[in-house]
């Protein structure tokens, strides 16, 4: 009898795993399209750019920004905060 319950439990775990996987995909897709979709559309219509993709100076040959500040010693670099 115990072996029957073990097999039923393992079978249920497989079924429940499939249900959870499907439910997760549906809920995450809904959150993406309902939550992020309208925000992206509003920003695109408004012409808002989240990334600064312009060169530092007009006519510059590179998009890299110059580094500011003095070089750090090893002790200063090892201290993160």
Protein backbone atom coordinates (compact mmCIF):
# COMPACT_ATOMS: atom_id res chain seq x y z
CA UNK A 1 0.00 0.00 0.00
CA UNK A 2 2.83 2.37 0.85
CA UNK A 3 4.44 1.68 -2.54
CA UNK A 4 1.19 2.66 -4.27
CA UNK A 5 1.10 5.99 -2.43
CA UNK A 6 4.75 6.64 -3.31
CA UNK A 7 4.04 6.05 -7.00
CA UNK A 8 0.94 8.25 -6.85
CA UNK A 9 2.95 11.01 -5.14
CA UNK A 10 5.73 10.85 -7.74
CA UNK A 11 3.14 10.92 -10.51
CA UNK A 12 1.44 13.92 -8.96
CA UNK A 13 4.79 15.74 -8.67
CA UNK A 14 5.31 15.30 -12.42
CA UNK A 15 1.83 16.62 -13.22
CA UNK A 16 2.17 19.53 -10.78
CA UNK A 17 5.58 20.41 -12.23
CA UNK A 18 4.06 20.68 -15.70
CA UNK A 19 1.21 22.82 -14.40
CA UNK A 20 3.61 25.16 -12.59
CA UNK A 21 5.83 25.50 -15.66
CA UNK A 22 2.86 26.42 -17.86
CA UNK A 23 1.40 28.77 -15.25
CA UNK A 24 4.75 30.51 -14.83
CA UNK A 25 5.13 31.06 -18.58
CA UNK A 26 1.61 32.47 -18.87
CA UNK A 27 1.93 34.79 -15.86
CA UNK A 28 5.38 36.07 -16.84
CA UNK A 29 4.19 36.73 -20.41
CA UNK A 30 1.19 38.64 -19.11
CA UNK A 31 3.38 40.69 -16.77
CA UNK A 32 5.74 41.48 -19.64
CA UNK A 33 3.10 42.55 -22.13
CA UNK A 34 0.78 44.31 -19.64
CA UNK A 35 3.51 45.91 -17.52
CA UNK A 36 6.41 46.67 -19.82
CA UNK A 37 4.60 46.99 -23.12
CA UNK A 38 2.66 50.19 -22.36
CA UNK A 39 5.72 51.79 -20.76
CA UNK A 40 7.81 51.07 -23.84
CA UNK A 41 5.12 52.40 -26.16
CA UNK A 42 4.74 55.63 -24.15
CA UNK A 43 8.49 56.17 -24.08
CA UNK A 44 8.80 55.52 -27.80
CA UNK A 45 5.96 57.93 -28.62
CA UNK A 46 7.44 60.53 -26.27
CA UNK A 47 10.89 60.16 -27.86
CA UNK A 48 12.56 59.28 -24.55
CA UNK A 49 15.92 57.48 -24.78
CA UNK A 50 17.04 55.50 -21.73
CA UNK A 51 20.59 55.11 -23.01
CA UNK A 52 22.93 57.94 -23.83
CA UNK A 53 24.05 56.83 -27.28
CA UNK A 54 25.45 60.13 -28.48
CA UNK A 55 29.19 60.85 -28.71
CA UNK A 56 30.69 62.85 -25.85
CA UNK A 57 31.57 65.66 -28.27
CA UNK A 58 29.97 66.34 -31.65
CA UNK A 59 32.15 64.95 -34.41
CA UNK A 60 34.14 62.72 -32.03
CA UNK A 61 35.64 59.56 -33.48
CA UNK A 62 34.59 57.44 -30.49
CA UNK A 63 31.71 57.05 -28.07
CA UNK A 64 34.04 56.50 -25.10
CA UNK A 65 33.88 59.07 -22.33
CA UNK A 66 37.12 60.37 -20.82
CA UNK A 67 37.97 59.01 -17.41
CA UNK A 68 37.81 61.51 -14.60
CA UNK A 69 39.81 61.49 -11.40
CA UNK A 70 43.30 60.49 -10.45
CA UNK A 71 44.67 56.95 -10.69
CA UNK A 72 44.02 54.89 -7.58
CA UNK A 73 46.58 53.02 -5.49
CA UNK A 74 46.07 49.32 -4.80
CA UNK A 75 44.81 50.08 -1.27
CA UNK A 76 42.20 52.51 -2.56
CA UNK A 77 41.14 50.15 -5.34
CA UNK A 78 40.67 47.23 -2.94
CA UNK A 79 38.28 49.29 -0.76
CA UNK A 80 34.93 49.25 -2.55
CA UNK A 81 33.02 51.52 -0.21
